[in-house]
């Protein structure tokens, strides 16, 4: 069938079954979908609120997350046994704890919500996916890796597990495996959204990172990639626009504003923003801060940021340490050899833990 005939056929089918039933999926053509309008044992009104809450959660803004959290609570007030709502509430509260910085209430709620979700359904895919976020951000990526690999042995066709592994592998310094997890997940679900853009960025594949980052709420990464490619003006324009019109968390403001300050030559502003940022539950951001410090030729601070990231559970891949253009000044630092050896050792340990994993992971 020619491309024009296929397009005409798709248009005709959409008129019959509904426009949203046949989705265009980049690089994969078309995908037939039927909306899930309910779940056995869950009231229709409750499920509709749950669906709306998920849509808000996916937007990943503070305002949308707060609205989503309230909707999840409304669902659970009606049906306390609704396990997926508990899992999504946990994901929502964890995000708010990381980025709102208002109180410890959201942290406690996140843990309680995940415990309840697992108690109701220990095999719930979304609960395992979202709990991974908590584990990696609190320095337990190794535990998450073991849990997910065991889960894949039981559920080899579960896209959510591959989504989680993209992040877990990156936190363990395994960039090749992270990209492979994304590839496998997308094979199962072409519309799958993962964090592979961050992996590609660390691998130095900046154009690919920008491509993967598009189509979702954009904040920092594509601007950093444009800067790494030497397009300083494009990066500055993106950052200024977003900082001027978006409601952002303090941590995201610090990340984006410090990059903008680096690009505009405002070193003291950049340092102040990074030194006052709370990265306790976002160790990956320390890697980005290290790049900023290195670009400012503040190599002691850059090395310290990389050390703190590793201590918090994020291992900067040896390939990134060796080749990232913004870390070039760090490679001249007296402690670089030690830093690199530590990263290589941690990566070797992670590779060893893959010995009993499903066949086919690249070494």
Protein backbone atom coordinates (compact mmCIF):
# COMPACT_ATOMS: atom_id res chain seq x y z
CA UNK A 1 0.00 0.00 0.00
CA UNK A 2 1.37 3.43 -0.93
CA UNK A 3 1.84 6.08 1.73
CA UNK A 4 -0.98 8.21 0.33
CA UNK A 5 -3.38 5.25 0.27
CA UNK A 6 -2.41 4.35 3.83
CA UNK A 7 -3.08 7.90 4.98
CA UNK A 8 -6.50 7.89 3.31
CA UNK A 9 -7.30 4.55 4.92
CA UNK A 10 -6.31 5.82 8.36
CA UNK A 11 -8.47 8.93 7.92
CA UNK A 12 -11.44 6.77 6.95
CA UNK A 13 -10.94 4.43 9.88
CA UNK A 14 -10.71 7.32 12.31
CA UNK A 15 -14.09 8.56 11.11
CA UNK A 16 -15.56 5.17 11.96
CA UNK A 17 -13.84 4.21 15.24
CA UNK A 18 -12.88 7.66 16.55
CA UNK A 19 -9.91 9.94 16.05
CA UNK A 20 -8.14 8.99 19.28
CA UNK A 21 -8.41 5.26 18.60
CA UNK A 22 -5.62 5.25 15.99
CA UNK A 23 -2.55 7.10 17.20
CA UNK A 24 0.44 8.20 15.16
CA UNK A 25 3.59 6.90 16.83
CA UNK A 26 6.88 8.49 15.78
CA UNK A 27 9.13 6.06 13.86
CA UNK A 28 6.63 3.25 14.31
CA UNK A 29 3.67 4.27 12.13
CA UNK A 30 0.26 3.84 13.71
CA UNK A 31 -1.09 2.23 16.84
CA UNK A 32 -4.63 1.03 17.48
CA UNK A 33 -5.89 1.87 20.96
CA UNK A 34 -9.11 1.48 22.87
CA UNK A 35 -9.46 3.60 25.97
CA UNK A 36 -9.83 1.73 29.27
CA UNK A 37 -13.00 3.17 30.76
CA UNK A 38 -13.19 1.13 33.92
CA UNK A 39 -11.84 -1.60 36.15
CA UNK A 40 -13.73 -4.52 37.70
CA UNK A 41 -14.98 -3.64 41.16
CA UNK A 42 -14.26 0.10 40.80
CA UNK A 43 -17.13 2.56 40.46
CA UNK A 44 -17.27 4.37 37.11
CA UNK A 45 -17.11 7.83 38.70
CA UNK A 46 -14.11 6.82 40.79
CA UNK A 47 -12.28 5.43 37.76
CA UNK A 48 -12.93 8.61 35.78
CA UNK A 49 -11.35 10.67 38.58
CA UNK A 50 -8.43 8.24 38.67
CA UNK A 51 -7.92 8.63 34.92
CA UNK A 52 -7.95 12.41 35.23
CA UNK A 53 -5.46 12.24 38.10
CA UNK A 54 -3.08 10.14 35.99
CA UNK A 55 -3.28 12.69 33.18
CA UNK A 56 -2.34 15.43 35.66
CA UNK A 57 0.52 13.36 37.07
CA UNK A 58 2.04 12.86 33.64
CA UNK A 59 2.27 16.67 33.21
CA UNK A 60 4.96 16.69 35.96
CA UNK A 61 4.38 20.23 37.25
CA UNK A 62 3.96 21.15 40.91
CA UNK A 63 0.44 22.43 40.33
CA UNK A 64 -0.68 19.37 38.35
CA UNK A 65 0.84 17.01 40.90
CA UNK A 66 -0.96 18.71 43.78
CA UNK A 67 -4.27 18.48 41.92
CA UNK A 68 -3.59 14.84 41.09
CA UNK A 69 -2.77 14.02 44.71
CA UNK A 70 -6.13 15.41 45.84
CA UNK A 71 -7.96 13.39 43.18
CA UNK A 72 -6.21 10.18 44.22
CA UNK A 73 -7.28 10.80 47.80
CA UNK A 74 -10.85 11.30 46.60
CA UNK A 75 -10.72 7.96 44.80
CA UNK A 76 -9.28 6.18 47.83
CA UNK A 77 -11.82 7.71 50.19
CA UNK A 78 -14.48 5.95 48.13
CA UNK A 79 -12.51 2.74 47.51
CA UNK A 80 -9.57 2.13 49.92
CA UNK A 81 -8.83 -1.19 48.18
CA UNK A 82 -8.04 0.44 44.81
CA UNK A 83 -4.37 -0.63 44.57
CA UNK A 84 -3.39 1.32 41.40
CA UNK A 85 -4.62 4.55 43.01
CA UNK A 86 -2.33 3.92 45.98
CA UNK A 87 0.63 3.34 43.64
CA UNK A 88 -0.02 6.50 41.64
CA UNK A 89 -0.53 8.45 44.86
CA UNK A 90 2.88 7.23 46.02
CA UNK A 91 4.50 8.38 42.79
CA UNK A 92 2.77 11.77 43.10
CA UNK A 93 3.76 12.31 46.74
CA UNK A 94 7.36 11.33 46.04
CA UNK A 95 7.57 13.93 43.29
CA UNK A 96 6.09 16.59 45.56
CA UNK A 97 8.50 15.71 48.36
CA UNK A 98 11.47 16.04 46.01
CA UNK A 99 10.48 19.28 44.37
CA UNK A 100 8.12 21.22 46.64
CA UNK A 101 10.32 21.15 49.74
CA UNK A 102 7.39 22.23 51.89
CA UNK A 103 7.36 19.50 54.57
CA UNK A 104 8.10 15.85 55.23
CA UNK A 105 4.41 14.94 54.96
CA UNK A 106 4.62 13.98 51.29
CA UNK A 107 7.61 11.72 51.98
CA UNK A 108 5.72 9.86 54.69
CA UNK A 109 2.63 9.63 52.49
CA UNK A 110 4.68 8.27 49.58
CA UNK A 111 6.11 5.43 51.65
CA UNK A 112 2.73 4.64 53.20
CA UNK A 113 1.03 4.66 49.79
CA UNK A 114 3.53 2.23 48.28
CA UNK A 115 3.28 -0.08 51.28
CA UNK A 116 -0.49 -0.12 50.90
CA UNK A 117 -0.30 -0.73 47.14
CA UNK A 118 2.03 -3.71 47.58
CA UNK A 119 -0.11 -5.07 50.43
CA UNK A 120 -3.15 -5.02 48.16
CA UNK A 121 -1.35 -6.34 45.07
CA UNK A 122 2.28 -7.38 45.43
CA UNK A 123 2.51 -7.97 41.67
CA UNK A 124 1.17 -4.58 40.55
CA UNK A 125 3.32 -3.36 37.64
CA UNK A 126 2.88 0.38 38.19
CA UNK A 127 3.73 0.01 41.90
CA UNK A 128 7.02 -1.68 41.02
CA UNK A 129 7.73 0.97 38.39
CA UNK A 130 7.07 3.94 40.66
CA UNK A 131 8.76 2.47 43.72
CA UNK A 132 11.93 2.27 41.65
CA UNK A 133 12.00 6.08 41.63
CA UNK A 134 12.13 6.08 45.42
CA UNK A 135 14.86 3.46 45.55
CA UNK A 136 17.23 5.09 43.08
CA UNK A 137 16.80 8.56 44.57
CA UNK A 138 17.58 7.26 48.06
CA UNK A 139 20.72 5.37 47.12
CA UNK A 140 19.24 1.89 46.65
CA UNK A 141 19.61 1.41 42.90
CA UNK A 142 21.30 -1.96 43.50
CA UNK A 143 18.24 -3.24 45.36
CA UNK A 144 15.98 -1.92 42.61
CA UNK A 145 18.09 -3.70 40.01
CA UNK A 146 17.76 -7.05 41.75
CA UNK A 147 14.02 -6.66 42.20
CA UNK A 148 13.44 -5.66 38.57
CA UNK A 149 15.55 -8.46 37.13
CA UNK A 150 13.63 -10.99 39.20
CA UNK A 151 10.41 -9.43 37.99
CA UNK A 152 11.49 -9.66 34.35
CA UNK A 153 12.09 -13.36 34.74
CA UNK A 154 8.44 -13.73 35.75
CA UNK A 155 7.05 -11.06 33.40
CA UNK A 156 9.40 -10.78 30.39
CA UNK A 157 6.86 -8.81 28.38
CA UNK A 158 6.22 -6.04 30.90
CA UNK A 159 7.18 -2.59 29.49
CA UNK A 160 7.10 -0.93 32.94
CA UNK A 161 10.06 -3.00 34.10
CA UNK A 162 12.16 -1.87 31.16
CA UNK A 163 11.16 1.75 31.83
CA UNK A 164 12.51 1.39 35.35
CA UNK A 165 15.68 -0.36 34.21
CA UNK A 166 16.55 2.55 31.92
CA UNK A 167 16.96 4.70 35.03
CA UNK A 168 18.46 2.04 37.29
CA UNK A 169 21.16 1.09 34.80
CA UNK A 170 22.05 4.76 34.33
CA UNK A 171 22.38 5.25 38.08
CA UNK A 172 24.75 2.27 38.18
CA UNK A 173 26.87 3.74 35.37
CA UNK A 174 25.69 1.18 32.80
CA UNK A 175 24.82 3.41 29.86
CA UNK A 176 24.82 0.71 27.17
CA UNK A 177 22.44 -1.44 29.21
CA UNK A 178 20.22 1.57 29.86
CA UNK A 179 19.84 2.22 26.13
CA UNK A 180 19.18 -1.48 25.56
CA UNK A 181 16.43 -1.47 28.21
CA UNK A 182 14.79 1.43 26.39
CA UNK A 183 15.00 -0.42 23.08
CA UNK A 184 13.39 -3.54 24.52
CA UNK A 185 10.67 -1.56 26.23
CA UNK A 186 9.78 0.33 23.06
CA UNK A 187 9.63 -2.95 21.15
CA UNK A 188 6.87 -4.00 23.55
CA UNK A 189 5.14 -0.61 23.60
CA UNK A 190 6.11 1.92 20.89
CA UNK A 191 4.46 4.73 22.88
CA UNK A 192 6.54 4.00 25.99
CA UNK A 193 8.13 7.04 27.64
CA UNK A 194 11.44 6.47 29.43
CA UNK A 195 14.31 8.60 30.73
CA UNK A 196 16.66 7.41 27.98
CA UNK A 197 17.29 11.01 26.90
CA UNK A 198 19.36 11.47 30.07
CA UNK A 199 21.30 8.30 29.26
CA UNK A 200 22.04 9.49 25.73
CA UNK A 201 23.18 12.83 27.14
CA UNK A 202 25.71 11.12 29.41
CA UNK A 203 26.87 9.01 26.46
CA UNK A 204 27.65 12.22 24.57
CA UNK A 205 24.91 11.62 22.00
CA UNK A 206 23.49 15.11 22.39
CA UNK A 207 21.47 15.29 19.17
CA UNK A 208 19.79 11.98 19.99
CA UNK A 209 19.13 13.18 23.53
CA UNK A 210 17.36 16.26 22.17
CA UNK A 211 15.27 14.11 19.85
CA UNK A 212 14.23 11.74 22.64
CA UNK A 213 13.51 14.64 25.00
CA UNK A 214 11.06 16.28 22.60
CA UNK A 215 7.35 15.62 22.85
CA UNK A 216 7.26 15.89 26.64
CA UNK A 217 7.37 18.65 29.23
CA UNK A 218 10.83 20.15 28.64
CA UNK A 219 12.90 21.80 31.33
CA UNK A 220 16.69 21.46 31.42
CA UNK A 221 18.12 18.60 29.39
CA UNK A 222 17.69 19.81 25.81
CA UNK A 223 19.11 23.21 26.74
CA UNK A 224 22.16 21.50 28.28
CA UNK A 225 22.51 19.37 25.15
CA UNK A 226 22.39 22.40 22.86
CA UNK A 227 25.07 24.02 25.03
CA UNK A 228 27.23 20.89 24.76
CA UNK A 229 26.82 21.03 20.98
CA UNK A 230 28.12 24.59 21.03
CA UNK A 231 24.79 26.31 20.34
CA UNK A 232 24.96 28.68 23.29
CA UNK A 233 22.34 31.09 21.96
CA UNK A 234 19.75 28.33 21.53
CA UNK A 235 20.37 27.06 25.05
CA UNK A 236 20.07 30.55 26.56
CA UNK A 237 16.87 31.24 24.65
CA UNK A 238 15.23 28.01 25.86
CA UNK A 239 16.21 28.59 29.47
CA UNK A 240 15.10 32.22 29.56
CA UNK A 241 11.75 31.37 28.01
CA UNK A 242 11.00 28.52 30.40
CA UNK A 243 12.20 30.29 33.52
CA UNK A 244 10.04 33.25 32.58
CA UNK A 245 6.77 31.45 31.98
CA UNK A 246 6.81 28.15 33.91
CA UNK A 247 5.94 27.47 37.54
CA UNK A 248 9.00 25.51 38.66
CA UNK A 249 10.25 23.94 41.87
CA UNK A 250 13.17 25.54 43.71
CA UNK A 251 15.45 22.70 42.68
CA UNK A 252 14.53 22.94 39.02
CA UNK A 253 14.96 26.72 39.13
CA UNK A 254 18.43 26.19 40.62
CA UNK A 255 19.36 23.66 37.95
CA UNK A 256 18.12 25.72 35.01
CA UNK A 257 19.19 29.11 36.36
CA UNK A 258 22.69 27.90 37.22
CA UNK A 259 23.17 26.65 33.66
CA UNK A 260 21.91 29.97 32.34
CA UNK A 261 24.32 31.80 34.64
CA UNK A 262 27.21 29.64 33.43
CA UNK A 263 26.35 30.35 29.80
CA UNK A 264 26.05 34.08 30.49
CA UNK A 265 29.32 34.26 32.41
CA UNK A 266 27.76 34.95 35.82
CA UNK A 267 29.93 32.59 37.84
CA UNK A 268 29.06 33.88 41.32
CA UNK A 269 25.32 33.58 40.60
CA UNK A 270 25.75 30.03 39.35
CA UNK A 271 27.74 28.98 42.41
CA UNK A 272 25.25 30.51 44.83
CA UNK A 273 22.35 28.74 43.12
CA UNK A 274 24.09 25.37 43.25
CA UNK A 275 25.40 25.68 46.80
CA UNK A 276 21.96 26.51 48.20
CA UNK A 277 20.08 23.81 46.25
CA UNK A 278 18.76 20.80 48.15
CA UNK A 279 19.77 17.72 46.15
CA UNK A 280 19.20 15.21 48.96
CA UNK A 281 16.59 13.32 46.94
CA UNK A 282 17.93 14.04 43.44
CA UNK A 283 21.51 12.70 43.21
CA UNK A 284 21.53 12.81 39.40
CA UNK A 285 21.37 16.60 39.50
CA UNK A 286 24.75 16.60 41.25
CA UNK A 287 26.27 15.31 38.00
CA UNK A 288 24.81 18.28 36.14
CA UNK A 289 26.08 20.63 38.83
CA UNK A 290 29.53 19.06 38.47
CA UNK A 291 29.46 19.88 34.76
CA UNK A 292 28.54 23.49 35.57
CA UNK A 293 31.38 23.82 38.09
CA UNK A 294 33.83 22.26 35.64
CA UNK A 295 32.77 24.66 32.91
CA UNK A 296 33.53 27.51 35.31
CA UNK A 297 36.94 25.88 35.95
CA UNK A 298 36.00 25.33 39.60
CA UNK A 299 37.37 21.82 39.50
CA UNK A 300 37.52 21.23 43.26
CA UNK A 301 33.78 21.86 43.49
CA UNK A 302 33.16 19.72 40.41
CA UNK A 303 35.06 16.77 41.88
CA UNK A 304 33.25 17.19 45.18
CA UNK A 305 29.87 17.14 43.41
CA UNK A 306 30.80 13.93 41.57
CA UNK A 307 31.87 12.33 44.84
CA UNK A 308 28.64 13.33 46.54
CA UNK A 309 26.65 11.91 43.63
CA UNK A 310 28.40 8.54 43.99
CA UNK A 311 27.90 8.55 47.75
CA UNK A 312 24.20 9.23 47.17
CA UNK A 313 23.85 6.34 44.73
CA UNK A 314 24.50 7.88 41.31
CA UNK A 315 27.60 6.56 39.57
CA UNK A 316 28.89 8.75 36.76
CA UNK A 317 29.78 6.36 33.95
CA UNK A 318 33.52 6.11 33.24
CA UNK A 319 32.84 6.94 29.58
CA UNK A 320 31.23 10.22 30.66
CA UNK A 321 34.15 11.10 32.90
CA UNK A 322 36.58 10.42 30.05
CA UNK A 323 34.78 12.18 27.21
CA UNK A 324 32.23 14.78 28.36
CA UNK A 325 33.53 18.07 26.90
CA UNK A 326 32.30 20.06 29.87
CA UNK A 327 34.29 17.83 32.24
CA UNK A 328 37.58 18.40 30.41
CA UNK A 329 38.96 20.59 33.20
CA UNK A 330 38.18 17.87 35.76
CA UNK A 331 40.35 15.43 33.84
CA UNK A 332 43.35 17.58 34.78
CA UNK A 333 42.49 17.50 38.49
CA UNK A 334 44.86 15.55 40.81
CA UNK A 335 41.95 13.43 42.08
CA UNK A 336 40.60 12.50 38.65
CA UNK A 337 42.45 9.17 38.42
CA UNK A 338 41.08 8.12 41.78
CA UNK A 339 37.59 9.30 40.81
CA UNK A 340 37.74 7.31 37.58
CA UNK A 341 39.00 4.15 39.30
CA UNK A 342 36.18 4.34 41.83
CA UNK A 343 33.62 4.70 39.04
CA UNK A 344 35.13 1.77 37.14
CA UNK A 345 35.02 -0.41 40.26
CA UNK A 346 31.38 0.44 40.94
CA UNK A 347 30.45 -0.29 37.33
CA UNK A 348 32.28 -3.62 37.44
CA UNK A 349 30.30 -4.52 40.58
CA UNK A 350 27.07 -3.61 38.79
CA UNK A 351 28.04 -5.74 35.80
CA UNK A 352 28.75 -8.67 38.10
CA UNK A 353 25.25 -8.39 39.55
CA UNK A 354 23.90 -8.94 36.04
CA UNK A 355 25.40 -12.43 35.87
CA UNK A 356 22.06 -14.06 36.73
CA UNK A 357 19.99 -11.64 34.65
CA UNK A 358 17.90 -12.58 31.60
CA UNK A 359 20.08 -13.50 28.63
CA UNK A 360 21.02 -10.92 26.09
CA UNK A 361 22.10 -7.90 28.15
CA UNK A 362 25.20 -6.30 26.61
CA UNK A 363 28.26 -6.61 28.82
